C-alpha atoms as a PDB file:
ATOM      1  CA  MET A   1      52.640 117.440 -86.919  1.00  0.00           C
ATOM      2  CA  THR A   2      50.134 117.338 -89.787  1.00  0.00           C
ATOM      3  CA  VAL A   3      46.407 116.691 -89.354  1.00  0.00           C
ATOM      4  CA  ASN A   4      46.840 113.239 -90.935  1.00  0.00           C
ATOM      5  CA  ASN A   5      49.676 112.302 -88.616  1.00  0.00           C
ATOM      6  CA  ASP A   6      47.720 113.488 -85.590  1.00  0.00           C
ATOM      7  CA  MET A   7      44.728 111.345 -86.586  1.00  0.00           C
ATOM      8  CA  ILE A   8      46.971 108.302 -87.135  1.00  0.00           C
ATOM      9  CA  GLU A   9      48.592 108.751 -83.734  1.00  0.00           C
ATOM     10  CA  ARG A  10      45.263 109.008 -81.927  1.00  0.00           C
ATOM     11  CA  THR A  11      43.613 106.121 -83.785  1.00  0.00           C
ATOM     12  CA  SER A  12      46.609 103.855 -83.355  1.00  0.00           C
ATOM     13  CA  ALA A  13      46.738 104.607 -79.688  1.00  0.00           C
ATOM     14  CA  GLN A  14      43.069 103.759 -79.243  1.00  0.00           C
ATOM     15  CA  SER A  15      43.533 100.344 -80.857  1.00  0.00           C
ATOM     16  CA  LEU A  16      46.754  99.530 -79.054  1.00  0.00           C
ATOM     17  CA  ALA A  17      45.047 100.487 -75.726  1.00  0.00           C
ATOM     18  CA  VAL A  18      42.713  97.524 -76.115  1.00  0.00           C
ATOM     19  CA  TRP A  19      45.065  95.230 -77.973  1.00  0.00           C
ATOM     20  CA  ASP A  20      46.480  93.487 -74.893  1.00  0.00           C
ATOM     21  CA  ALA A  21      42.980  92.448 -73.650  1.00  0.00           C
ATOM     22  CA  TRP A  22      42.182  91.015 -77.076  1.00  0.00           C
ATOM     23  CA  ASN A  23      45.617  89.363 -77.492  1.00  0.00           C
ATOM     24  CA  THR A  24      45.510  87.658 -74.112  1.00  0.00           C
ATOM     25  CA  LEU A  25      42.188  86.000 -74.817  1.00  0.00           C
ATOM     26  CA  ASN A  26      42.320  82.287 -75.382  1.00  0.00           C
ATOM     27  CA  VAL A  27      42.501  81.438 -79.112  1.00  0.00           C
ATOM     28  CA  GLU A  28      39.322  79.400 -78.710  1.00  0.00           C
ATOM     29  CA  VAL A  29      37.503  82.494 -77.399  1.00  0.00           C
ATOM     30  CA  ARG A  30      38.653  84.573 -80.410  1.00  0.00           C
ATOM     31  CA  CYS A  31      37.475  81.771 -82.700  1.00  0.00           C
ATOM     32  CA  ASP A  32      34.043  81.822 -81.040  1.00  0.00           C
ATOM     33  CA  VAL A  33      33.914  85.582 -81.649  1.00  0.00           C
ATOM     34  CA  LEU A  34      34.764  85.045 -85.319  1.00  0.00           C
ATOM     35  CA  LEU A  35      32.087  82.379 -85.703  1.00  0.00           C
ATOM     36  CA  GLY A  36      29.483  84.701 -84.135  1.00  0.00           C
ATOM     37  CA  TRP A  37      30.669  87.466 -86.462  1.00  0.00           C
ATOM     38  CA  ALA A  38      30.210  85.185 -89.477  1.00  0.00           C
ATOM     39  CA  ASP A  39      26.692  84.358 -88.395  1.00  0.00           C
ATOM     40  CA  ALA A  40      25.887  88.038 -87.979  1.00  0.00           C
ATOM     41  CA  ILE A  41      27.081  89.170 -91.388  1.00  0.00           C
ATOM     42  CA  THR A  42      25.274  86.277 -93.013  1.00  0.00           C
ATOM     43  CA  GLN A  43      22.040  87.960 -92.014  1.00  0.00           C
ATOM     44  CA  ARG A  44      22.926  90.822 -94.349  1.00  0.00           C
ATOM     45  CA  GLY A  45      22.164  88.628 -97.404  1.00  0.00           C
ATOM     46  CA  LYS A  46      23.884  86.698-100.179  1.00  0.00           C
ATOM     47  CA  ALA A  47      26.521  89.356-100.858  1.00  0.00           C
ATOM     48  CA  PHE A  48      28.078  88.550 -97.492  1.00  0.00           C
ATOM     49  CA  ASN A  49      27.923  84.776 -97.691  1.00  0.00           C
ATOM     50  CA  GLU A  50      31.362  84.261 -99.160  1.00  0.00           C
ATOM     51  CA  ALA A  51      32.860  86.635 -96.627  1.00  0.00           C
ATOM     52  CA  ALA A  52      31.187  84.668 -93.791  1.00  0.00           C
ATOM     53  CA  GLN A  53      32.568  81.402 -95.190  1.00  0.00           C
ATOM     54  CA  LEU A  54      36.103  82.815 -95.246  1.00  0.00           C
ATOM     55  CA  ILE A  55      35.821  84.054 -91.675  1.00  0.00           C
ATOM     56  CA  ARG A  56      34.602  80.615 -90.521  1.00  0.00           C
ATOM     57  CA  PHE A  57      37.488  78.988 -92.460  1.00  0.00           C
ATOM     58  CA  HIS A  58      40.119  81.115 -90.655  1.00  0.00           C
ATOM     59  CA  ALA A  59      38.460  80.331 -87.268  1.00  0.00           C
ATOM     60  CA  GLN A  60      38.858  76.613 -87.993  1.00  0.00           C
ATOM     61  CA  CYS A  61      42.450  77.050 -89.211  1.00  0.00           C
ATOM     62  CA  ALA A  62      43.240  78.908 -85.972  1.00  0.00           C
ATOM     63  CA  ARG A  63      41.786  76.009 -83.918  1.00  0.00           C
ATOM     64  CA  ASP A  64      43.970  73.570 -85.842  1.00  0.00           C
ATOM     65  CA  LEU A  65      47.174  75.563 -86.056  1.00  0.00           C
ATOM     66  CA  ILE A  66      47.580  78.073 -83.285  1.00  0.00           C
ATOM     67  CA  ALA A  67      45.228  77.050 -80.470  1.00  0.00           C
ATOM     68  CA  PRO A  68      47.298  74.060 -79.295  1.00  0.00           C
ATOM     69  CA  VAL A  69      50.004  74.825 -76.724  1.00  0.00           C
ATOM     70  CA  HIS A  70      53.086  72.663 -77.282  1.00  0.00           C
ATOM     71  CA  GLU A  71      55.181  71.276 -74.412  1.00  0.00           C
ATOM     72  CA  MET A  72      58.903  71.409 -75.015  1.00  0.00           C
ATOM     73  CA  PRO A  73      61.681  69.454 -73.231  1.00  0.00           C
ATOM     74  CA  GLY A  74      63.299  71.018 -70.251  1.00  0.00           C
ATOM     75  CA  PRO A  75      65.175  70.096 -67.092  1.00  0.00           C
ATOM     76  CA  THR A  76      63.487  68.401 -64.137  1.00  0.00           C
ATOM     77  CA  GLY A  77      61.362  70.782 -62.206  1.00  0.00           C
ATOM     78  CA  GLU A  78      60.693  73.036 -65.144  1.00  0.00           C
ATOM     79  CA  THR A  79      57.934  73.113 -67.685  1.00  0.00           C
ATOM     80  CA  ASN A  80      58.270  74.853 -71.106  1.00  0.00           C
ATOM     81  CA  GLU A  81      55.439  75.733 -73.395  1.00  0.00           C
ATOM     82  CA  LEU A  82      55.370  77.097 -76.882  1.00  0.00           C
ATOM     83  CA  TYR A  83      52.339  79.156 -77.961  1.00  0.00           C
ATOM     84  CA  THR A  84      51.424  82.013 -80.266  1.00  0.00           C
ATOM     85  CA  ALA A  85      50.326  85.624 -79.834  1.00  0.00           C
ATOM     86  CA  GLY A  86      49.520  88.561 -82.024  1.00  0.00           C
ATOM     87  CA  ARG A  87      52.220  90.907 -83.265  1.00  0.00           C
ATOM     88  CA  GLY A  88      50.461  94.195 -82.540  1.00  0.00           C
ATOM     89  CA  LEU A  89      48.901  96.674 -84.888  1.00  0.00           C
ATOM     90  CA  PHE A  90      48.312  95.761 -88.531  1.00  0.00           C
ATOM     91  CA  ILE A  91      47.201  97.923 -91.464  1.00  0.00           C
ATOM     92  CA  VAL A  92      44.646  96.052 -93.582  1.00  0.00           C
ATOM     93  CA  SER A  93      43.971  97.641 -96.959  1.00  0.00           C
ATOM     94  CA  GLY A  94      43.950  97.320-100.670  1.00  0.00           C
ATOM     95  CA  ASP A  95      43.587  99.113-103.996  1.00  0.00           C
ATOM     96  CA  SER A  96      40.520  99.263-106.218  1.00  0.00           C
ATOM     97  CA  SER A  97      40.634  95.462-106.633  1.00  0.00           C
ATOM     98  CA  LEU A  98      39.879  94.813-102.944  1.00  0.00           C
ATOM     99  CA  THR A  99      36.618  92.908-102.527  1.00  0.00           C
ATOM    100  CA  LEU A 100      34.360  92.413 -99.537  1.00  0.00           C
ATOM    101  CA  THR A 101      35.419  88.756 -99.308  1.00  0.00           C
ATOM    102  CA  ALA A 102      39.113  89.563 -99.454  1.00  0.00           C
ATOM    103  CA  MET A 103      38.780  92.267 -96.799  1.00  0.00           C
ATOM    104  CA  ALA A 104      36.853  89.890 -94.517  1.00  0.00           C
ATOM    105  CA  GLY A 105      39.564  87.270 -94.896  1.00  0.00           C
ATOM    106  CA  GLN A 106      42.325  89.716 -94.056  1.00  0.00           C
ATOM    107  CA  LEU A 107      40.481  90.931 -90.998  1.00  0.00           C
ATOM    108  CA  ALA A 108      39.595  87.465 -89.784  1.00  0.00           C
ATOM    109  CA  ALA A 109      43.210  86.185 -89.973  1.00  0.00           C
ATOM    110  CA  ALA A 110      44.656  89.319 -88.332  1.00  0.00           C
ATOM    111  CA  LEU A 111      42.063  89.275 -85.537  1.00  0.00           C
ATOM    112  CA  VAL A 112      42.041  85.586 -84.690  1.00  0.00           C
ATOM    113  CA  ALA A 113      45.843  85.643 -84.515  1.00  0.00           C
ATOM    114  CA  GLY A 114      45.487  88.259 -81.731  1.00  0.00           C
ATOM    115  CA  ASN A 115      46.201  91.607 -83.516  1.00  0.00           C
ATOM    116  CA  CYS A 116      44.496  94.987 -83.618  1.00  0.00           C
ATOM    117  CA  VAL A 117      43.808  96.577 -87.026  1.00  0.00           C
ATOM    118  CA  LEU A 118      43.750  99.902 -88.835  1.00  0.00           C
ATOM    119  CA  LEU A 119      41.328  99.184 -91.710  1.00  0.00           C
ATOM    120  CA  ILE A 120      42.085 101.721 -94.444  1.00  0.00           C
ATOM    121  CA  VAL A 121      39.573 101.551 -97.329  1.00  0.00           C
ATOM    122  CA  THR A 122      38.570 103.365-100.483  1.00  0.00           C
ATOM    123  CA  LYS A 123      35.346 105.331-100.720  1.00  0.00           C
ATOM    124  CA  GLU A 124      33.866 102.452-102.710  1.00  0.00           C
ATOM    125  CA  MET A 125      34.522  99.965 -99.912  1.00  0.00           C
ATOM    126  CA  ALA A 126      33.584 102.212 -96.961  1.00  0.00           C
ATOM    127  CA  HIS A 127      29.990 100.864 -96.733  1.00  0.00           C
ATOM    128  CA  SER A 128      31.140  97.233 -96.704  1.00  0.00           C
ATOM    129  CA  ALA A 129      33.819  98.004 -94.092  1.00  0.00           C
ATOM    130  CA  ASP A 130      31.250  99.749 -91.871  1.00  0.00           C
ATOM    131  CA  ALA A 131      28.941  96.742 -92.142  1.00  0.00           C
ATOM    132  CA  LEU A 132      31.696  94.290 -91.235  1.00  0.00           C
ATOM    133  CA  LEU A 133      32.845  96.326 -88.274  1.00  0.00           C
ATOM    134  CA  ALA A 134      29.361  96.961 -87.026  1.00  0.00           C
ATOM    135  CA  ASP A 135      28.696  93.184 -86.908  1.00  0.00           C
ATOM    136  CA  PHE A 136      32.084  92.520 -85.288  1.00  0.00           C
ATOM    137  CA  VAL A 137      31.220  95.006 -82.530  1.00  0.00           C
ATOM    138  CA  LYS A 138      27.828  93.378 -82.152  1.00  0.00           C
ATOM    139  CA  VAL A 139      29.389  90.070 -81.106  1.00  0.00           C
ATOM    140  CA  SER A 140      32.467  91.370 -79.324  1.00  0.00           C
ATOM    141  CA  SER A 141      33.006  93.901 -76.567  1.00  0.00           C
ATOM    142  CA  HIS A 142      36.317  94.907 -78.120  1.00  0.00           C
ATOM    143  CA  ASP A 143      34.960  97.807 -80.097  1.00  0.00           C
ATOM    144  CA  ARG A 144      38.275  99.574 -80.791  1.00  0.00           C
ATOM    145  CA  VAL A 145      40.291  96.623 -81.857  1.00  0.00           C
ATOM    146  CA  VAL A 146      39.453  97.531 -85.461  1.00  0.00           C
ATOM    147  CA  GLN A 147      39.470 101.171 -86.505  1.00  0.00           C
ATOM    148  CA  ILE A 148      38.371 102.350 -89.985  1.00  0.00           C
ATOM    149  CA  LEU A 149      40.114 105.181 -91.799  1.00  0.00           C
ATOM    150  CA  SER A 150      39.663 106.513 -95.308  1.00  0.00           C
ATOM    151  CA  GLU A 151      42.376 105.987 -97.999  1.00  0.00           C
ATOM    152  CA  THR A 152      43.527 109.662 -97.487  1.00  0.00           C
ATOM    153  CA  TYR A 153      45.331 108.468 -94.348  1.00  0.00           C
ATOM    154  CA  LEU A 154      47.144 105.608 -96.016  1.00  0.00           C
ATOM    155  CA  ASN A 155      50.518 107.184 -96.708  1.00  0.00           C
ATOM    156  CA  ALA A 156      50.647 108.765 -93.226  1.00  0.00           C
ATOM    157  CA  ALA A 157      49.805 105.405 -91.687  1.00  0.00           C
ATOM    158  CA  ILE A 158      52.430 103.555 -93.583  1.00  0.00           C
ATOM    159  CA  ALA A 159      55.042 106.078 -92.702  1.00  0.00           C
ATOM    160  CA  HIS A 160      54.224 106.906 -89.071  1.00  0.00           C
ATOM    161  CA  ALA A 161      51.807 104.416 -87.450  1.00  0.00           C
ATOM    162  CA  PRO A 162      53.382 102.056 -84.804  1.00  0.00           C
ATOM    163  CA  ILE A 163      52.509  99.063 -86.905  1.00  0.00           C
ATOM    164  CA  SER A 164      53.815  95.537 -86.780  1.00  0.00           C
ATOM    165  CA  GLY A 165      52.602  94.598 -90.265  1.00  0.00           C
ATOM    166  CA  VAL A 166      50.637  95.469 -93.364  1.00  0.00           C
ATOM    167  CA  ALA A 167      48.163  93.150 -95.152  1.00  0.00           C
ATOM    168  CA  VAL A 168      47.181  94.377 -98.599  1.00  0.00           C
ATOM    169  CA  VAL A 169      45.311  93.212-101.734  1.00  0.00           C
ATOM    170  CA  ALA A 170      46.567  94.995-104.840  1.00  0.00           C
ATOM    171  CA  ASP A 171      48.202  94.603-108.266  1.00  0.00           C
ATOM    172  CA  ASP A 172      51.901  93.951-108.566  1.00  0.00           C
ATOM    173  CA  ALA A 173      52.893  97.533-109.193  1.00  0.00           C
ATOM    174  CA  THR A 174      51.015  98.771-106.128  1.00  0.00           C
ATOM    175  CA  LEU A 175      52.465  96.045-103.963  1.00  0.00           C
ATOM    176  CA  ILE A 176      55.988  96.972-104.985  1.00  0.00           C
ATOM    177  CA  ALA A 177      55.298 100.648-104.259  1.00  0.00           C
ATOM    178  CA  TRP A 178      53.907  99.873-100.814  1.00  0.00           C
ATOM    179  CA  ASN A 179      56.845  97.586-100.034  1.00  0.00           C
ATOM    180  CA  LYS A 180      59.231 100.348-100.895  1.00  0.00           C
ATOM    181  CA  LYS A 181      57.442 102.787 -98.573  1.00  0.00           C
ATOM    182  CA  LEU A 182      57.635 100.296 -95.747  1.00  0.00           C
ATOM    183  CA  ALA A 183      61.357  99.757 -96.363  1.00  0.00           C
ATOM    184  CA  GLU A 184      61.892 103.511 -95.956  1.00  0.00           C
ATOM    185  CA  ARG A 185      60.563 103.469 -92.418  1.00  0.00           C
ATOM    186  CA  ASP A 186      62.915 103.921 -89.548  1.00  0.00           C
ATOM    187  CA  GLY A 187      63.437 101.032 -87.159  1.00  0.00           C
ATOM    188  CA  VAL A 188      62.630  97.342 -87.448  1.00  0.00           C
ATOM    189  CA  LEU A 189      61.124  96.139 -90.740  1.00  0.00           C
ATOM    190  CA  VAL A 190      57.435  95.241 -90.477  1.00  0.00           C
ATOM    191  CA  GLN A 191      55.670  92.154 -91.874  1.00  0.00           C
ATOM    192  CA  PHE A 192      54.301  92.648 -95.392  1.00  0.00           C
ATOM    193  CA  VAL A 193      51.439  90.268 -96.289  1.00  0.00           C
ATOM    194  CA  ALA A 194      50.698  90.764 -99.957  1.00  0.00           C
ATOM    195  CA  GLU A 195      47.864  89.219-102.017  1.00  0.00           C
ATOM    196  CA  ASP A 196      47.894  89.840-105.797  1.00  0.00           C
ATOM    197  CA  ASN A 197      45.279  87.235-106.901  1.00  0.00           C
ATOM    198  CA  VAL A 198      41.975  88.906-106.184  1.00  0.00           C
ATOM    199  CA  GLU A 199      40.056  86.326-108.158  1.00  0.00           C
ATOM    200  CA  GLN A 200      41.229  83.156-106.398  1.00  0.00           C
ATOM    201  CA  LEU A 201      42.700  84.664-103.167  1.00  0.00           C
ATOM    202  CA  SER A 202      45.419  82.024-103.361  1.00  0.00           C
ATOM    203  CA  LEU A 203      47.113  83.492-100.251  1.00  0.00           C
ATOM    204  CA  ILE A 204      44.197  84.802 -98.189  1.00  0.00           C
ATOM    205  CA  ALA A 205      42.240  81.590 -98.679  1.00  0.00           C
ATOM    206  CA  SER A 206      45.186  79.331 -97.753  1.00  0.00           C
ATOM    207  CA  PRO A 207      45.101  77.446 -94.427  1.00  0.00           C
ATOM    208  CA  THR A 208      48.408  78.925 -93.320  1.00  0.00           C
ATOM    209  CA  TYR A 209      47.659  82.535 -94.143  1.00  0.00           C
ATOM    210  CA  LEU A 210      47.046  83.445 -90.491  1.00  0.00           C
ATOM    211  CA  LEU A 211      50.562  82.298 -89.544  1.00  0.00           C
ATOM    212  CA  ARG A 212      51.848  85.502 -91.156  1.00  0.00           C
ATOM    213  CA  PHE A 213      50.125  87.441 -88.354  1.00  0.00           C
ATOM    214  CA  ILE A 214      51.526  85.701 -85.322  1.00  0.00           C
ATOM    215  CA  THR A 215      54.656  85.674 -83.188  1.00  0.00           C
ATOM    216  CA  GLU A 216      55.811  82.700 -81.148  1.00  0.00           C
ATOM    217  CA  ARG A 217      56.221  82.816 -77.349  1.00  0.00           C
ATOM    218  CA  THR A 218      57.675  80.484 -74.842  1.00  0.00           C
ATOM    219  CA  ARG A 219      56.445  80.158 -71.228  1.00  0.00           C
ATOM    220  CA  THR A 220      58.743  78.631 -68.650  1.00  0.00           C
ATOM    221  CA  ILE A 221      57.512  77.648 -65.181  1.00  0.00           C
ATOM    222  CA  ASN A 222      59.997  76.725 -62.534  1.00  0.00           C
ATOM    223  CA  ILE A 223      58.283  74.492 -59.925  1.00  0.00           C
ATOM    224  CA  THR A 224      61.406  73.826 -57.839  1.00  0.00           C
ATOM    225  CA  ALA A 225      61.492  77.170 -55.981  1.00  0.00           C
ATOM    226  CA  VAL A 226      61.868  77.103 -52.212  1.00  0.00           C
ATOM    227  CA  GLY A 227      58.521  76.361 -50.603  1.00  0.00           C
ATOM    228  CA  GLY A 228      57.053  75.018 -53.816  1.00  0.00           C
ATOM    229  CA  ASN A 229      56.350  78.483 -55.294  1.00  0.00           C
ATOM    230  CA  ALA A 230      56.356  78.608 -59.051  1.00  0.00           C
ATOM    231  CA  THR A 231      58.163  81.275 -60.995  1.00  0.00           C
ATOM    232  CA  LEU A 232      57.099  82.221 -64.508  1.00  0.00           C
ATOM    233  CA  LEU A 233      59.159  83.513 -67.385  1.00  0.00           C
ATOM    234  CA  GLU A 234      57.721  84.441 -70.761  1.00  0.00           C
ATOM    235  CA  LEU A 235      59.759  85.208 -73.882  1.00  0.00           C
ATOM    236  CA  GLY A 236      58.494  86.323 -77.256  1.00  0.00           C
ATOM    237  CA  SER A 237      59.992  86.343 -80.748  1.00  0.00           C
ATOM    238  CA  GLY A 238      59.339  88.749 -83.598  1.00  0.00           C
ATOM    239  CA  GLU A 239      57.982  91.450 -81.294  1.00  0.00           C
ATOM    240  CA  HIS A 240      58.741  95.150 -81.387  1.00  0.00           C
END
């Protein structure tokens, strides 16, 4: 095992170890964390204002789109609910075109959906990434949900990390190259969330962007068991 692969394995394990606690939080709780995060980074000055606005935007979208639990029809004595959860571990990254605002939007969508993140950044974006993560930890006790790595670990992470998806901001040629690398992985194909419009962020700033980071689950409760005891069955889709 190479040094890079060893680091990827340890870092991924640390995030996944706390993922379940983050994922099982109520969506509203995660939204509150994001709003507190946005308030914290705003204190850093004007350079962070757009990033804060995008974080707040995704918190509101989450409240509108994924917070509600939907009741589904079922037989008498049984309740069925449809809700969402995170997929698992996402790589969030980008090429030299990645901006602070774009990175904040990627992180906000992945986190509010219930995922943990490997944030892989260039040397130029390392300071901004550290600032974002410091303020996230300030308002949340989940200090390993996001882990930062330098771009030198990117290829190893794409090839070997136990990821459920990759969110990237890059030019078309880079996106194609990354997609090919993901296709070469063994096992189930992972979600690829690609943004190529760094100026307008037409994907990242869309209200449905966060839906690319979720999986749907159903919860069935049988209330007809002997003695009135309820039995619970949960099923998920799109999970590894």
